[in-house]
PDB file of all heavy atoms in Angstrom:
ATOM      1  N   PHE A   1     -40.883 -21.189 -15.026  1.00  0.00           N
ATOM      2  CA  PHE A   1     -42.166 -21.844 -15.273  1.00  0.00           C
ATOM      3  C   PHE A   1     -43.356 -20.881 -15.327  1.00  0.00           C
ATOM      4  O   PHE A   1     -44.499 -21.310 -15.371  1.00  0.00           O
ATOM      5  CB  PHE A   1     -42.425 -22.895 -14.182  1.00  0.00           C
ATOM      6  CG  PHE A   1     -42.340 -22.349 -12.786  1.00  0.00           C
ATOM      7  CD1 PHE A   1     -43.431 -21.772 -12.170  1.00  0.00           C
ATOM      8  CD2 PHE A   1     -41.126 -22.392 -12.098  1.00  0.00           C
ATOM      9  CE1 PHE A   1     -43.335 -21.252 -10.898  1.00  0.00           C
ATOM     10  CE2 PHE A   1     -41.025 -21.879 -10.818  1.00  0.00           C
ATOM     11  CZ  PHE A   1     -42.132 -21.308 -10.220  1.00  0.00           C
ATOM     12  N   THR A   2     -43.077 -19.565 -15.342  1.00  0.00           N
ATOM     13  CA  THR A   2     -44.167 -18.600 -15.332  1.00  0.00           C
ATOM     14  C   THR A   2     -43.730 -17.285 -15.956  1.00  0.00           C
ATOM     15  O   THR A   2     -42.530 -16.982 -16.022  1.00  0.00           O
ATOM     16  CB  THR A   2     -44.676 -18.351 -13.898  1.00  0.00           C
ATOM     17  OG1 THR A   2     -45.754 -17.410 -13.932  1.00  0.00           O
ATOM     18  CG2 THR A   2     -43.568 -17.830 -12.998  1.00  0.00           C
ATOM     19  N   THR A   3     -44.714 -16.505 -16.397  1.00  0.00           N
ATOM     20  CA  THR A   3     -44.408 -15.166 -16.904  1.00  0.00           C
ATOM     21  C   THR A   3     -44.290 -14.156 -15.763  1.00  0.00           C
ATOM     22  O   THR A   3     -43.801 -13.058 -15.969  1.00  0.00           O
ATOM     23  CB  THR A   3     -45.507 -14.702 -17.886  1.00  0.00           C
ATOM     24  OG1 THR A   3     -46.767 -14.749 -17.223  1.00  0.00           O
ATOM     25  CG2 THR A   3     -45.536 -15.570 -19.122  1.00  0.00           C
ATOM     26  N   ALA A   4     -44.753 -14.507 -14.575  1.00  0.00           N
ATOM     27  CA  ALA A   4     -44.638 -13.633 -13.414  1.00  0.00           C
ATOM     28  C   ALA A   4     -43.209 -13.710 -12.865  1.00  0.00           C
ATOM     29  O   ALA A   4     -42.523 -14.714 -13.041  1.00  0.00           O
ATOM     30  CB  ALA A   4     -45.637 -14.044 -12.338  1.00  0.00           C
ATOM     31  N   MET A   5     -42.778 -12.636 -12.228  1.00  0.00           N
ATOM     32  CA  MET A   5     -41.427 -12.585 -11.675  1.00  0.00           C
ATOM     33  C   MET A   5     -41.459 -12.269 -10.187  1.00  0.00           C
ATOM     34  O   MET A   5     -42.387 -11.623  -9.707  1.00  0.00           O
ATOM     35  CB  MET A   5     -40.611 -11.483 -12.356  1.00  0.00           C
ATOM     36  CG  MET A   5     -40.281 -11.705 -13.783  1.00  0.00           C
ATOM     37  SD  MET A   5     -39.105 -10.433 -14.288  1.00  0.00           S
ATOM     38  CE  MET A   5     -39.348 -10.440 -16.039  1.00  0.00           C
ATOM     39  N   ILE A   6     -40.423 -12.704  -9.488  1.00  0.00           N
ATOM     40  CA  ILE A   6     -40.214 -12.245  -8.118  1.00  0.00           C
ATOM     41  C   ILE A   6     -39.707 -10.816  -8.248  1.00  0.00           C
ATOM     42  O   ILE A   6     -38.794 -10.546  -9.034  1.00  0.00           O
ATOM     43  CB  ILE A   6     -39.169 -13.126  -7.404  1.00  0.00           C
ATOM     44  CG1 ILE A   6     -39.675 -14.560  -7.283  1.00  0.00           C
ATOM     45  CG2 ILE A   6     -38.810 -12.541  -6.043  1.00  0.00           C
ATOM     46  CD1 ILE A   6     -38.636 -15.552  -6.808  1.00  0.00           C
ATOM     47  N   THR A   7     -40.291  -9.892  -7.514  1.00  0.00           N
ATOM     48  CA  THR A   7     -39.926  -8.487  -7.668  1.00  0.00           C
ATOM     49  C   THR A   7     -39.972  -7.734  -6.341  1.00  0.00           C
ATOM     50  O   THR A   7     -40.749  -8.087  -5.452  1.00  0.00           O
ATOM     51  CB  THR A   7     -40.850  -7.794  -8.692  1.00  0.00           C
ATOM     52  OG1 THR A   7     -40.476  -6.428  -8.805  1.00  0.00           O
ATOM     53  CG2 THR A   7     -42.309  -7.886  -8.294  1.00  0.00           C
ATOM     54  N   ALA A   8     -39.150  -6.708  -6.258  1.00  0.00           N
ATOM     55  CA  ALA A   8     -39.159  -5.837  -5.073  1.00  0.00           C
ATOM     56  C   ALA A   8     -40.275  -4.801  -5.150  1.00  0.00           C
ATOM     57  O   ALA A   8     -40.504  -4.068  -4.195  1.00  0.00           O
ATOM     58  CB  ALA A   8     -37.803  -5.150  -4.923  1.00  0.00           C
ATOM     59  N   LEU A   9     -40.968  -4.757  -6.275  1.00  0.00           N
ATOM     60  CA  LEU A   9     -42.046  -3.779  -6.451  1.00  0.00           C
ATOM     61  C   LEU A   9     -43.113  -3.896  -5.369  1.00  0.00           C
ATOM     62  O   LEU A   9     -43.605  -2.886  -4.870  1.00  0.00           O
ATOM     63  CB  LEU A   9     -42.676  -3.941  -7.840  1.00  0.00           C
ATOM     64  CG  LEU A   9     -43.867  -3.049  -8.165  1.00  0.00           C
ATOM     65  CD1 LEU A   9     -43.485  -1.576  -8.086  1.00  0.00           C
ATOM     66  CD2 LEU A   9     -44.418  -3.391  -9.530  1.00  0.00           C
ATOM     67  N   THR A  10     -43.463  -5.109  -4.998  1.00  0.00           N
ATOM     68  CA  THR A  10     -44.517  -5.260  -3.977  1.00  0.00           C
ATOM     69  C   THR A  10     -44.067  -4.716  -2.623  1.00  0.00           C
ATOM     70  O   THR A  10     -44.891  -4.224  -1.858  1.00  0.00           O
ATOM     71  CB  THR A  10     -44.954  -6.730  -3.853  1.00  0.00           C
ATOM     72  OG1 THR A  10     -43.802  -7.559  -3.724  1.00  0.00           O
ATOM     73  CG2 THR A  10     -45.760  -7.166  -5.069  1.00  0.00           C
ATOM     74  N   LEU A  11     -42.790  -4.762  -2.331  1.00  0.00           N
ATOM     75  CA  LEU A  11     -42.276  -4.140  -1.114  1.00  0.00           C
ATOM     76  C   LEU A  11     -42.520  -2.632  -1.174  1.00  0.00           C
ATOM     77  O   LEU A  11     -43.016  -2.028  -0.217  1.00  0.00           O
ATOM     78  CB  LEU A  11     -40.774  -4.426  -0.962  1.00  0.00           C
ATOM     79  CG  LEU A  11     -40.140  -3.912   0.319  1.00  0.00           C
ATOM     80  CD1 LEU A  11     -39.095  -4.900   0.799  1.00  0.00           C
ATOM     81  CD2 LEU A  11     -39.521  -2.561   0.155  1.00  0.00           C
ATOM     82  N   ALA A  12     -42.211  -2.020  -2.318  1.00  0.00           N
ATOM     83  CA  ALA A  12     -42.405  -0.577  -2.481  1.00  0.00           C
ATOM     84  C   ALA A  12     -43.878  -0.193  -2.406  1.00  0.00           C
ATOM     85  O   ALA A  12     -44.231   0.842  -1.826  1.00  0.00           O
ATOM     86  CB  ALA A  12     -41.810  -0.120  -3.804  1.00  0.00           C
ATOM     87  N   MET A  13     -44.738  -1.020  -2.959  1.00  0.00           N
ATOM     88  CA  MET A  13     -46.170  -0.702  -2.927  1.00  0.00           C
ATOM     89  C   MET A  13     -46.726  -0.819  -1.513  1.00  0.00           C
ATOM     90  O   MET A  13     -47.555  -0.007  -1.107  1.00  0.00           O
ATOM     91  CB  MET A  13     -46.928  -1.574  -3.912  1.00  0.00           C
ATOM     92  CG  MET A  13     -46.581  -1.213  -5.326  1.00  0.00           C
ATOM     93  SD  MET A  13     -47.710  -1.943  -6.481  1.00  0.00           S
ATOM     94  CE  MET A  13     -47.050  -1.293  -7.997  1.00  0.00           C
ATOM     95  N   ASN A  14     -46.278  -1.829  -0.775  1.00  0.00           N
ATOM     96  CA  ASN A  14     -46.685  -1.923   0.628  1.00  0.00           C
ATOM     97  C   ASN A  14     -46.185  -0.717   1.417  1.00  0.00           C
ATOM     98  O   ASN A  14     -46.940  -0.122   2.192  1.00  0.00           O
ATOM     99  CB  ASN A  14     -46.149  -3.214   1.261  1.00  0.00           C
ATOM    100  CG  ASN A  14     -47.052  -4.387   1.020  1.00  0.00           C
ATOM    101  OD1 ASN A  14     -48.239  -4.346   1.301  1.00  0.00           O
ATOM    102  ND2 ASN A  14     -46.484  -5.457   0.499  1.00  0.00           N
ATOM    103  N   LEU A  15     -44.934  -0.352   1.217  1.00  0.00           N
ATOM    104  CA  LEU A  15     -44.385   0.800   1.921  1.00  0.00           C
ATOM    105  C   LEU A  15     -45.178   2.061   1.596  1.00  0.00           C
ATOM    106  O   LEU A  15     -45.493   2.862   2.483  1.00  0.00           O
ATOM    107  CB  LEU A  15     -42.908   0.985   1.576  1.00  0.00           C
ATOM    108  CG  LEU A  15     -42.190   2.122   2.297  1.00  0.00           C
ATOM    109  CD1 LEU A  15     -42.244   1.933   3.808  1.00  0.00           C
ATOM    110  CD2 LEU A  15     -40.748   2.209   1.818  1.00  0.00           C
ATOM    111  N   THR A  16     -45.520   2.224   0.332  1.00  0.00           N
ATOM    112  CA  THR A  16     -46.346   3.355  -0.089  1.00  0.00           C
ATOM    113  C   THR A  16     -47.661   3.373   0.692  1.00  0.00           C
ATOM    114  O   THR A  16     -48.070   4.410   1.215  1.00  0.00           O
ATOM    115  CB  THR A  16     -46.626   3.278  -1.610  1.00  0.00           C
ATOM    116  OG1 THR A  16     -45.383   3.395  -2.308  1.00  0.00           O
ATOM    117  CG2 THR A  16     -47.575   4.357  -2.066  1.00  0.00           C
ATOM    118  N   ALA A  17     -48.300   2.229   0.790  1.00  0.00           N
ATOM    119  CA  ALA A  17     -49.573   2.136   1.515  1.00  0.00           C
ATOM    120  C   ALA A  17     -49.402   2.455   2.996  1.00  0.00           C
ATOM    121  O   ALA A  17     -50.301   3.025   3.618  1.00  0.00           O
ATOM    122  CB  ALA A  17     -50.179   0.747   1.347  1.00  0.00           C
ATOM    123  N   PHE A  18     -48.250   2.121   3.560  1.00  0.00           N
ATOM    124  CA  PHE A  18     -48.035   2.327   4.991  1.00  0.00           C
ATOM    125  C   PHE A  18     -47.683   3.765   5.351  1.00  0.00           C
ATOM    126  O   PHE A  18     -47.909   4.182   6.482  1.00  0.00           O
ATOM    127  CB  PHE A  18     -46.937   1.392   5.509  1.00  0.00           C
ATOM    128  CG  PHE A  18     -47.252  -0.073   5.367  1.00  0.00           C
ATOM    129  CD1 PHE A  18     -46.250  -0.987   5.139  1.00  0.00           C
ATOM    130  CD2 PHE A  18     -48.556  -0.537   5.443  1.00  0.00           C
ATOM    131  CE1 PHE A  18     -46.522  -2.337   5.003  1.00  0.00           C
ATOM    132  CE2 PHE A  18     -48.856  -1.878   5.301  1.00  0.00           C
ATOM    133  CZ  PHE A  18     -47.842  -2.788   5.087  1.00  0.00           C
ATOM    134  N   ILE A  19     -47.129   4.531   4.408  1.00  0.00           N
ATOM    135  CA  ILE A  19     -46.717   5.892   4.754  1.00  0.00           C
ATOM    136  C   ILE A  19     -47.614   6.974   4.166  1.00  0.00           C
ATOM    137  O   ILE A  19     -47.487   8.141   4.520  1.00  0.00           O
ATOM    138  CB  ILE A  19     -45.242   6.172   4.381  1.00  0.00           C
ATOM    139  CG1 ILE A  19     -45.027   6.131   2.881  1.00  0.00           C
ATOM    140  CG2 ILE A  19     -44.315   5.211   5.120  1.00  0.00           C
ATOM    141  CD1 ILE A  19     -43.635   6.579   2.437  1.00  0.00           C
ATOM    142  N   LEU A  20     -48.527   6.586   3.272  1.00  0.00           N
ATOM    143  CA  LEU A  20     -49.435   7.555   2.650  1.00  0.00           C
ATOM    144  C   LEU A  20     -50.878   7.256   3.021  1.00  0.00           C
ATOM    145  O   LEU A  20     -51.194   6.169   3.493  1.00  0.00           O
ATOM    146  CB  LEU A  20     -49.285   7.526   1.123  1.00  0.00           C
ATOM    147  CG  LEU A  20     -47.915   7.868   0.537  1.00  0.00           C
ATOM    148  CD1 LEU A  20     -47.939   7.715  -0.980  1.00  0.00           C
ATOM    149  CD2 LEU A  20     -47.476   9.270   0.920  1.00  0.00           C
ATOM    150  N   THR A  21     -51.743   8.218   2.764  1.00  0.00           N
ATOM    151  CA  THR A  21     -53.177   8.013   2.963  1.00  0.00           C
ATOM    152  C   THR A  21     -53.703   7.136   1.819  1.00  0.00           C
ATOM    153  O   THR A  21     -53.035   6.990   0.789  1.00  0.00           O
ATOM    154  CB  THR A  21     -53.943   9.348   2.941  1.00  0.00           C
ATOM    155  OG1 THR A  21     -53.854   9.902   1.611  1.00  0.00           O
ATOM    156  CG2 THR A  21     -53.395  10.334   3.975  1.00  0.00           C
ATOM    157  N   PRO A  22     -54.899   6.579   1.971  1.00  0.00           N
ATOM    158  CA  PRO A  22     -55.463   5.776   0.868  1.00  0.00           C
ATOM    159  C   PRO A  22     -55.574   6.558  -0.441  1.00  0.00           C
ATOM    160  O   PRO A  22     -55.246   6.033  -1.510  1.00  0.00           O
ATOM    161  CB  PRO A  22     -56.840   5.370   1.390  1.00  0.00           C
ATOM    162  CG  PRO A  22     -56.687   5.388   2.883  1.00  0.00           C
ATOM    163  CD  PRO A  22     -55.730   6.509   3.172  1.00  0.00           C
ATOM    164  N   ARG A  23     -56.005   7.806  -0.373  1.00  0.00           N
ATOM    165  CA  ARG A  23     -56.139   8.624  -1.592  1.00  0.00           C
ATOM    166  C   ARG A  23     -54.770   8.865  -2.233  1.00  0.00           C
ATOM    167  O   ARG A  23     -54.625   8.775  -3.451  1.00  0.00           O
ATOM    168  CB  ARG A  23     -56.805   9.956  -1.270  1.00  0.00           C
ATOM    169  CG  ARG A  23     -56.931  10.863  -2.498  1.00  0.00           C
ATOM    170  CD  ARG A  23     -57.584  12.154  -2.179  1.00  0.00           C
ATOM    171  NE  ARG A  23     -59.010  11.895  -1.981  1.00  0.00           N
ATOM    172  CZ  ARG A  23     -59.854  12.766  -1.478  1.00  0.00           C
ATOM    173  NH1 ARG A  23     -59.449  13.939  -1.097  1.00  0.00           N
ATOM    174  NH2 ARG A  23     -61.125  12.460  -1.347  1.00  0.00           N
ATOM    175  N   GLU A  24     -53.788   9.177  -1.422  1.00  0.00           N
ATOM    176  CA  GLU A  24     -52.438   9.388  -1.947  1.00  0.00           C
ATOM    177  C   GLU A  24     -51.871   8.102  -2.541  1.00  0.00           C
ATOM    178  O   GLU A  24     -51.239   8.128  -3.601  1.00  0.00           O
ATOM    179  CB  GLU A  24     -51.511   9.906  -0.837  1.00  0.00           C
ATOM    180  CG  GLU A  24     -51.845  11.306  -0.366  1.00  0.00           C
ATOM    181  CD  GLU A  24     -51.141  11.708   0.921  1.00  0.00           C
ATOM    182  OE1 GLU A  24     -50.595  10.830   1.625  1.00  0.00           O
ATOM    183  OE2 GLU A  24     -51.158  12.908   1.235  1.00  0.00           O
ATOM    184  N   THR A  25     -52.111   6.983  -1.877  1.00  0.00           N
ATOM    185  CA  THR A  25     -51.652   5.685  -2.382  1.00  0.00           C
ATOM    186  C   THR A  25     -52.290   5.397  -3.735  1.00  0.00           C
ATOM    187  O   THR A  25     -51.609   4.976  -4.679  1.00  0.00           O
ATOM    188  CB  THR A  25     -51.981   4.570  -1.375  1.00  0.00           C
ATOM    189  OG1 THR A  25     -51.349   4.863  -0.129  1.00  0.00           O
ATOM    190  CG2 THR A  25     -51.528   3.210  -1.872  1.00  0.00           C
ATOM    191  N   PHE A  26     -53.589   5.624  -3.844  1.00  0.00           N
ATOM    192  CA  PHE A  26     -54.294   5.412  -5.106  1.00  0.00           C
ATOM    193  C   PHE A  26     -53.693   6.288  -6.208  1.00  0.00           C
ATOM    194  O   PHE A  26     -53.446   5.821  -7.324  1.00  0.00           O
ATOM    195  CB  PHE A  26     -55.793   5.715  -4.932  1.00  0.00           C
ATOM    196  CG  PHE A  26     -56.600   5.549  -6.189  1.00  0.00           C
ATOM    197  CD1 PHE A  26     -56.913   4.287  -6.668  1.00  0.00           C
ATOM    198  CD2 PHE A  26     -57.046   6.655  -6.894  1.00  0.00           C
ATOM    199  CE1 PHE A  26     -57.653   4.124  -7.835  1.00  0.00           C
ATOM    200  CE2 PHE A  26     -57.790   6.507  -8.058  1.00  0.00           C
ATOM    201  CZ  PHE A  26     -58.095   5.236  -8.525  1.00  0.00           C
TER     202      PHE A  26
END
């Protein structure tokens, strides 16, 4: 019913934010 998908990408992006600095995450 949507063009959006359930994805593991958001898990990876959160993990990135948790282990890197804000500048590195950006």
